[in-house]
Amino acid sequence: MRRRILISNVIVLLTFLISKPANWSLFTAGLVIAIVGEGIRMSASSIIVKSNELTTRGVYSAVRHPLYLGTFIIMLGFLISLINLNALYQTLLSFFIALSGFAIIYFKQIKAEEKFLRKVYGNQFEEYKQSVNALFPSMRSLNKLFSSADWSMKTFKKNKEYRGLVGTFFVFFAVWLRIYYEI
């Protein structure tokens, strides 16, 4: 797990260094998209009780891996904030690195987690897997992404999602600085 986070952070840093962000409108659009991703991550981390139960309520009733969906949406917001049509090569390279890295890291992680869940929860997980998409929710379940019915501050604190929220803030602050100072 820590290796996944380290590699993800290296990818974000590399993408940030390669890019040449310059557009306030795209920065704002990217920030709004990232906030949506953070909302999904916060919702998921406020109800998941890791290794104690198969969580299938709230946001987990819309998608099996909402934490990764949230991360993906945050990454898309970050990439949008970096778009610069006058530096198209850097923009495309940034997109390629980030999207490739996400695909490699998270699809491998999803496979490993689902193998673990199948082993621990057996038929209960198989039934859940048959009724809920892995990473992208169906149109019918979109309204469940921000369900607050099962939200628990105690669980949120225990899962330490606030660290991701702070990290996202600092990444966008760094992009803001690069645009503002034209660096």
C-alpha atoms as a PDB file:
ATOM      1  CA  MET A   1       0.000   0.000   0.000  1.00  0.00           C
ATOM      2  CA  ARG A   2       2.683   2.493   0.933  1.00  0.00           C
ATOM      3  CA  ARG A   3       4.523   1.722  -2.288  1.00  0.00           C
ATOM      4  CA  ARG A   4       1.359   2.567  -4.239  1.00  0.00           C
ATOM      5  CA  ILE A   5       1.097   5.908  -2.459  1.00  0.00           C
ATOM      6  CA  LEU A   6       4.795   6.658  -2.961  1.00  0.00           C
ATOM      7  CA  ILE A   7       4.602   5.842  -6.680  1.00  0.00           C
ATOM      8  CA  SER A   8       1.424   7.930  -7.004  1.00  0.00           C
ATOM      9  CA  ASN A   9       3.152  10.880  -5.346  1.00  0.00           C
ATOM     10  CA  VAL A  10       6.151  10.541  -7.673  1.00  0.00           C
ATOM     11  CA  ILE A  11       3.785  10.512 -10.671  1.00  0.00           C
ATOM     12  CA  VAL A  12       2.019  13.650  -9.408  1.00  0.00           C
ATOM     13  CA  LEU A  13       5.360  15.399  -8.867  1.00  0.00           C
ATOM     14  CA  LEU A  14       6.688  14.374 -12.291  1.00  0.00           C
ATOM     15  CA  THR A  15       3.450  15.438 -13.982  1.00  0.00           C
ATOM     16  CA  PHE A  16       3.556  18.753 -12.125  1.00  0.00           C
ATOM     17  CA  LEU A  17       7.175  19.420 -13.101  1.00  0.00           C
ATOM     18  CA  ILE A  18       6.628  18.581 -16.784  1.00  0.00           C
ATOM     19  CA  SER A  19       3.511  20.714 -17.151  1.00  0.00           C
ATOM     20  CA  LYS A  20       3.239  24.421 -17.817  1.00  0.00           C
ATOM     21  CA  PRO A  21      -0.135  25.466 -16.331  1.00  0.00           C
ATOM     22  CA  ALA A  22      -1.308  28.887 -17.457  1.00  0.00           C
ATOM     23  CA  ASN A  23      -5.094  29.114 -17.542  1.00  0.00           C
ATOM     24  CA  TRP A  24      -7.228  30.306 -14.620  1.00  0.00           C
ATOM     25  CA  SER A  25     -10.461  28.952 -16.089  1.00  0.00           C
ATOM     26  CA  LEU A  26      -8.985  25.467 -16.476  1.00  0.00           C
ATOM     27  CA  PHE A  27      -7.461  25.712 -12.998  1.00  0.00           C
ATOM     28  CA  THR A  28     -10.888  26.528 -11.558  1.00  0.00           C
ATOM     29  CA  ALA A  29     -12.600  23.752 -13.528  1.00  0.00           C
ATOM     30  CA  GLY A  30      -9.934  21.268 -12.395  1.00  0.00           C
ATOM     31  CA  LEU A  31     -10.287  22.360  -8.785  1.00  0.00           C
ATOM     32  CA  VAL A  32     -14.072  21.906  -8.871  1.00  0.00           C
ATOM     33  CA  ILE A  33     -13.653  18.420 -10.360  1.00  0.00           C
ATOM     34  CA  ALA A  34     -11.053  17.533  -7.705  1.00  0.00           C
ATOM     35  CA  ILE A  35     -13.445  18.694  -4.977  1.00  0.00           C
ATOM     36  CA  VAL A  36     -16.029  16.236  -6.328  1.00  0.00           C
ATOM     37  CA  GLY A  37     -13.382  13.486  -6.160  1.00  0.00           C
ATOM     38  CA  GLU A  38     -12.505  14.453  -2.594  1.00  0.00           C
ATOM     39  CA  GLY A  39     -16.197  14.337  -1.698  1.00  0.00           C
ATOM     40  CA  ILE A  40     -16.407  10.769  -2.959  1.00  0.00           C
ATOM     41  CA  ARG A  41     -13.243   9.798  -1.059  1.00  0.00           C
ATOM     42  CA  MET A  42     -14.526  11.452   2.124  1.00  0.00           C
ATOM     43  CA  SER A  43     -17.875   9.699   1.803  1.00  0.00           C
ATOM     44  CA  ALA A  44     -16.165   6.334   1.302  1.00  0.00           C
ATOM     45  CA  SER A  45     -13.648   6.759   4.106  1.00  0.00           C
ATOM     46  CA  SER A  46     -16.386   7.770   6.521  1.00  0.00           C
ATOM     47  CA  ILE A  47     -18.153   4.389   6.293  1.00  0.00           C
ATOM     48  CA  ILE A  48     -15.582   1.737   5.404  1.00  0.00           C
ATOM     49  CA  VAL A  49     -14.535  -0.472   8.293  1.00  0.00           C
ATOM     50  CA  LYS A  50     -11.460  -2.082   6.812  1.00  0.00           C
ATOM     51  CA  SER A  51     -10.936  -5.807   7.408  1.00  0.00           C
ATOM     52  CA  ASN A  52     -13.974  -6.064   9.714  1.00  0.00           C
ATOM     53  CA  GLU A  53     -16.902  -6.144   7.312  1.00  0.00           C
ATOM     54  CA  LEU A  54     -17.718  -6.071   3.635  1.00  0.00           C
ATOM     55  CA  THR A  55     -18.913  -2.496   3.265  1.00  0.00           C
ATOM     56  CA  THR A  56     -21.780  -2.357   0.759  1.00  0.00           C
ATOM     57  CA  ARG A  57     -23.794   0.645   1.937  1.00  0.00           C
ATOM     58  CA  GLY A  58     -23.576   4.341   1.077  1.00  0.00           C
ATOM     59  CA  VAL A  59     -21.145   5.120  -1.708  1.00  0.00           C
ATOM     60  CA  TYR A  60     -20.155   1.431  -1.730  1.00  0.00           C
ATOM     61  CA  SER A  61     -23.626   0.627  -3.017  1.00  0.00           C
ATOM     62  CA  ALA A  62     -22.774   2.677  -6.143  1.00  0.00           C
ATOM     63  CA  VAL A  63     -19.239   1.449  -6.802  1.00  0.00           C
ATOM     64  CA  ARG A  64     -17.020  -1.235  -5.245  1.00  0.00           C
ATOM     65  CA  HIS A  65     -13.897   0.951  -5.109  1.00  0.00           C
ATOM     66  CA  PRO A  66     -15.064   4.525  -4.416  1.00  0.00           C
ATOM     67  CA  LEU A  67     -11.733   5.549  -2.906  1.00  0.00           C
ATOM     68  CA  TYR A  68     -10.058   4.800  -6.238  1.00  0.00           C
ATOM     69  CA  LEU A  69     -12.869   6.459  -8.178  1.00  0.00           C
ATOM     70  CA  GLY A  70     -12.362   9.566  -6.041  1.00  0.00           C
ATOM     71  CA  THR A  71      -8.613   9.425  -6.646  1.00  0.00           C
ATOM     72  CA  PHE A  72      -9.216   9.112 -10.386  1.00  0.00           C
ATOM     73  CA  ILE A  73     -11.535  12.137 -10.392  1.00  0.00           C
ATOM     74  CA  ILE A  74      -9.038  14.164  -8.334  1.00  0.00           C
ATOM     75  CA  MET A  75      -6.328  13.209 -10.827  1.00  0.00           C
ATOM     76  CA  LEU A  76      -8.527  14.301 -13.743  1.00  0.00           C
ATOM     77  CA  GLY A  77      -9.127  17.628 -12.018  1.00  0.00           C
ATOM     78  CA  PHE A  78      -5.407  18.026 -11.465  1.00  0.00           C
ATOM     79  CA  LEU A  79      -4.679  17.249 -15.122  1.00  0.00           C
ATOM     80  CA  ILE A  80      -7.320  19.715 -16.310  1.00  0.00           C
ATOM     81  CA  SER A  81      -5.746  22.400 -14.131  1.00  0.00           C
ATOM     82  CA  LEU A  82      -2.418  21.753 -15.898  1.00  0.00           C
ATOM     83  CA  ILE A  83      -3.701  22.066 -19.482  1.00  0.00           C
ATOM     84  CA  ASN A  84      -1.843  24.605 -21.577  1.00  0.00           C
ATOM     85  CA  LEU A  85      -2.590  24.582 -25.300  1.00  0.00           C
ATOM     86  CA  ASN A  86       0.569  26.639 -25.892  1.00  0.00           C
ATOM     87  CA  ALA A  87       2.589  23.830 -24.306  1.00  0.00           C
ATOM     88  CA  LEU A  88       0.723  20.957 -25.917  1.00  0.00           C
ATOM     89  CA  TYR A  89       3.644  18.501 -25.770  1.00  0.00           C
ATOM     90  CA  GLN A  90       4.032  18.955 -21.993  1.00  0.00           C
ATOM     91  CA  THR A  91       0.271  18.739 -21.517  1.00  0.00           C
ATOM     92  CA  LEU A  92      -0.031  15.506 -23.494  1.00  0.00           C
ATOM     93  CA  LEU A  93       3.016  13.996 -21.778  1.00  0.00           C
ATOM     94  CA  SER A  94       1.551  14.883 -18.373  1.00  0.00           C
ATOM     95  CA  PHE A  95      -1.750  13.231 -19.294  1.00  0.00           C
ATOM     96  CA  PHE A  96       0.030  10.120 -20.591  1.00  0.00           C
ATOM     97  CA  ILE A  97       2.195   9.717 -17.474  1.00  0.00           C
ATOM     98  CA  ALA A  98      -0.665  10.263 -15.028  1.00  0.00           C
ATOM     99  CA  LEU A  99      -3.257   8.118 -16.808  1.00  0.00           C
ATOM    100  CA  SER A 100      -0.792   5.287 -17.482  1.00  0.00           C
ATOM    101  CA  GLY A 101       0.423   5.364 -13.906  1.00  0.00           C
ATOM    102  CA  PHE A 102      -3.132   5.331 -12.560  1.00  0.00           C
ATOM    103  CA  ALA A 103      -4.084   2.396 -14.790  1.00  0.00           C
ATOM    104  CA  ILE A 104      -1.054   0.337 -13.805  1.00  0.00           C
ATOM    105  CA  ILE A 105      -1.217   1.040 -10.072  1.00  0.00           C
ATOM    106  CA  TYR A 106      -4.935   0.946  -9.399  1.00  0.00           C
ATOM    107  CA  PHE A 107      -6.108  -1.829 -11.680  1.00  0.00           C
ATOM    108  CA  LYS A 108      -3.425  -4.050 -10.143  1.00  0.00           C
ATOM    109  CA  GLN A 109      -4.550  -2.944  -6.678  1.00  0.00           C
ATOM    110  CA  ILE A 110      -8.216  -3.583  -7.481  1.00  0.00           C
ATOM    111  CA  LYS A 111      -7.389  -7.099  -8.644  1.00  0.00           C
ATOM    112  CA  ALA A 112      -5.451  -7.824  -5.444  1.00  0.00           C
ATOM    113  CA  GLU A 113      -8.157  -6.376  -3.201  1.00  0.00           C
ATOM    114  CA  GLU A 114     -10.909  -8.308  -4.918  1.00  0.00           C
ATOM    115  CA  LYS A 115      -8.916 -11.519  -4.566  1.00  0.00           C
ATOM    116  CA  PHE A 116      -8.626 -10.796  -0.838  1.00  0.00           C
ATOM    117  CA  LEU A 117     -12.333  -9.925  -0.506  1.00  0.00           C
ATOM    118  CA  ARG A 118     -13.344 -13.079  -2.392  1.00  0.00           C
ATOM    119  CA  LYS A 119     -11.188 -15.157  -0.026  1.00  0.00           C
ATOM    120  CA  VAL A 120     -12.517 -13.502   3.153  1.00  0.00           C
ATOM    121  CA  TYR A 121     -16.180 -12.935   2.245  1.00  0.00           C
ATOM    122  CA  GLY A 122     -16.781 -15.633  -0.383  1.00  0.00           C
ATOM    123  CA  ASN A 123     -20.331 -15.690  -1.770  1.00  0.00           C
ATOM    124  CA  GLN A 124     -21.229 -12.414  -0.063  1.00  0.00           C
ATOM    125  CA  PHE A 125     -18.516 -10.662  -2.095  1.00  0.00           C
ATOM    126  CA  GLU A 126     -19.472 -12.507  -5.303  1.00  0.00           C
ATOM    127  CA  GLU A 127     -23.093 -11.336  -4.973  1.00  0.00           C
ATOM    128  CA  TYR A 128     -21.903  -7.786  -4.297  1.00  0.00           C
ATOM    129  CA  LYS A 129     -19.555  -7.953  -7.278  1.00  0.00           C
ATOM    130  CA  GLN A 130     -22.395  -9.042  -9.551  1.00  0.00           C
ATOM    131  CA  SER A 131     -24.612  -6.113  -8.548  1.00  0.00           C
ATOM    132  CA  VAL A 132     -22.133  -3.193  -8.236  1.00  0.00           C
ATOM    133  CA  ASN A 133     -19.582  -1.931 -10.792  1.00  0.00           C
ATOM    134  CA  ALA A 134     -15.926  -1.889  -9.797  1.00  0.00           C
ATOM    135  CA  LEU A 135     -14.805   1.643 -10.557  1.00  0.00           C
ATOM    136  CA  PHE A 136     -17.449   3.609 -12.438  1.00  0.00           C
ATOM    137  CA  PRO A 137     -21.029   3.739 -11.163  1.00  0.00           C
ATOM    138  CA  SER A 138     -24.003   2.922 -13.329  1.00  0.00           C
ATOM    139  CA  MET A 139     -26.380   5.744 -14.203  1.00  0.00           C
ATOM    140  CA  ARG A 140     -28.927   4.240 -11.762  1.00  0.00           C
ATOM    141  CA  SER A 141     -26.526   4.484  -8.843  1.00  0.00           C
ATOM    142  CA  LEU A 142     -25.049   7.983  -9.345  1.00  0.00           C
ATOM    143  CA  ASN A 143     -27.243   9.425  -6.602  1.00  0.00           C
ATOM    144  CA  LYS A 144     -25.580   7.089  -4.073  1.00  0.00           C
ATOM    145  CA  LEU A 145     -22.094   8.576  -4.576  1.00  0.00           C
ATOM    146  CA  PHE A 146     -22.625  11.272  -1.954  1.00  0.00           C
ATOM    147  CA  SER A 147     -24.917   9.442   0.415  1.00  0.00           C
ATOM    148  CA  SER A 148     -24.494  10.812   3.922  1.00  0.00           C
ATOM    149  CA  ALA A 149     -26.802   8.333   5.653  1.00  0.00           C
ATOM    150  CA  ASP A 150     -23.980   6.216   7.081  1.00  0.00           C
ATOM    151  CA  TRP A 151     -21.406   9.005   7.506  1.00  0.00           C
ATOM    152  CA  SER A 152     -19.318   8.628  10.678  1.00  0.00           C
ATOM    153  CA  MET A 153     -16.775  11.213  11.848  1.00  0.00           C
ATOM    154  CA  LYS A 154     -15.153   8.583  14.059  1.00  0.00           C
ATOM    155  CA  THR A 155     -14.617   6.275  11.069  1.00  0.00           C
ATOM    156  CA  PHE A 156     -13.452   9.199   8.915  1.00  0.00           C
ATOM    157  CA  LYS A 157     -10.804  10.134  11.496  1.00  0.00           C
ATOM    158  CA  LYS A 158      -9.732   6.529  11.926  1.00  0.00           C
ATOM    159  CA  ASN A 159      -9.207   6.136   8.168  1.00  0.00           C
ATOM    160  CA  LYS A 160      -7.179   9.395   8.083  1.00  0.00           C
ATOM    161  CA  GLU A 161      -8.682  10.675   4.836  1.00  0.00           C
ATOM    162  CA  TYR A 162      -7.916  14.199   6.008  1.00  0.00           C
ATOM    163  CA  ARG A 163      -4.319  13.525   4.896  1.00  0.00           C
ATOM    164  CA  GLY A 164      -5.495  13.115   1.306  1.00  0.00           C
ATOM    165  CA  LEU A 165      -7.581  16.278   1.585  1.00  0.00           C
ATOM    166  CA  VAL A 166      -4.542  18.238   2.788  1.00  0.00           C
ATOM    167  CA  GLY A 167      -2.395  16.712   0.012  1.00  0.00           C
ATOM    168  CA  THR A 168      -4.936  17.702  -2.638  1.00  0.00           C
ATOM    169  CA  PHE A 169      -5.031  21.238  -1.240  1.00  0.00           C
ATOM    170  CA  PHE A 170      -1.242  21.556  -1.439  1.00  0.00           C
ATOM    171  CA  VAL A 171      -1.099  20.177  -4.989  1.00  0.00           C
ATOM    172  CA  PHE A 172      -3.657  22.707  -6.181  1.00  0.00           C
ATOM    173  CA  PHE A 173      -1.955  25.476  -4.232  1.00  0.00           C
ATOM    174  CA  ALA A 174       1.292  24.610  -6.045  1.00  0.00           C
ATOM    175  CA  VAL A 175      -0.512  24.771  -9.408  1.00  0.00           C
ATOM    176  CA  TRP A 176      -2.034  28.111  -8.371  1.00  0.00           C
ATOM    177  CA  LEU A 177       1.453  29.435  -7.547  1.00  0.00           C
ATOM    178  CA  ARG A 178       2.823  28.326 -10.921  1.00  0.00           C
ATOM    179  CA  ILE A 179       0.009  30.065 -12.785  1.00  0.00           C
ATOM    180  CA  TYR A 180       0.112  33.192 -10.647  1.00  0.00           C
ATOM    181  CA  TYR A 181       3.903  33.614 -10.905  1.00  0.00           C
ATOM    182  CA  GLU A 182       4.026  32.228 -14.468  1.00  0.00           C
ATOM    183  CA  ILE A 183       6.656  29.605 -13.585  1.00  0.00           C
END
